[in-house]
Amino acid sequence: MSKKNDGLSLGYRFKWRLTWLLLHVAGPASLSDDLDPRRRMERERAARVARHQAAH
């Protein structure tokens, strides 16, 4: 498993990718990084991986 997927289940990764793609296609237009839902998802995912790596 790659470092960017540590601690993420297959179901979580599938749902995350599907949601990210849907936001890319049908989401809001360009927003600042603070307001962009895709960037928020990416930050939350990175935090989840970091928590898993810190625990191990």
Protein backbone atom coordinates (compact mmCIF):
# COMPACT_ATOMS: atom_id res chain seq x y z
CA MET A 1 0.00 0.00 0.00
CA SER A 2 1.34 3.44 -0.80
CA LYS A 3 1.98 6.06 1.89
CA LYS A 4 -0.85 8.28 0.63
CA ASN A 5 -3.39 5.49 1.26
CA ASP A 6 -2.19 4.33 4.69
CA GLY A 7 -5.13 3.82 7.03
CA LEU A 8 -7.78 4.26 4.35
CA SER A 9 -10.15 1.40 3.64
CA LEU A 10 -11.06 0.43 0.11
CA GLY A 11 -14.64 1.63 0.69
CA TYR A 12 -13.46 5.01 1.98
CA ARG A 13 -11.09 5.46 -0.97
CA PHE A 14 -13.84 4.53 -3.47
CA LYS A 15 -16.40 6.88 -1.90
CA TRP A 16 -13.80 9.66 -1.59
CA ARG A 17 -12.75 9.39 -5.26
CA LEU A 18 -16.37 9.27 -6.47
CA THR A 19 -17.31 12.34 -4.41
CA TRP A 20 -14.18 14.20 -5.54
CA LEU A 21 -14.94 13.43 -9.20
CA LEU A 22 -18.57 14.50 -8.85
CA LEU A 23 -17.48 17.78 -7.26
CA HIS A 24 -15.01 18.25 -10.08
CA VAL A 25 -17.73 17.82 -12.72
CA ALA A 26 -20.78 19.32 -11.03
CA GLY A 27 -19.31 21.24 -8.11
CA PRO A 28 -18.94 24.96 -7.66
CA ALA A 29 -16.81 27.10 -9.93
CA SER A 30 -13.34 28.23 -8.90
CA LEU A 31 -13.22 29.11 -5.22
CA SER A 32 -10.39 30.02 -2.90
CA ASP A 33 -8.65 27.08 -1.24
CA ASP A 34 -10.45 27.83 2.04
CA LEU A 35 -13.88 27.48 0.43
CA ASP A 36 -13.26 24.81 -2.21
CA PRO A 37 -14.93 21.52 -1.14
CA ARG A 38 -12.43 19.41 -3.12
CA ARG A 39 -9.48 21.07 -1.36
CA ARG A 40 -11.24 20.55 1.99
CA MET A 41 -11.64 16.85 1.17
CA GLU A 42 -7.95 16.62 0.25
CA ARG A 43 -6.92 18.27 3.53
CA GLU A 44 -9.17 15.95 5.56
CA ARG A 45 -7.81 12.88 3.76
CA ALA A 46 -4.20 14.00 4.34
CA ALA A 47 -4.98 14.54 8.03
CA ARG A 48 -6.50 11.06 8.28
CA VAL A 49 -3.41 9.48 6.71
CA ALA A 50 -1.14 11.53 9.00
CA ARG A 51 -3.07 10.36 12.08
CA HIS A 52 -2.70 6.75 10.96
CA GLN A 53 1.04 7.14 10.32
CA ALA A 54 1.55 8.84 13.71
CA ALA A 55 -0.23 5.97 15.45
CA HIS A 56 2.08 3.40 13.87
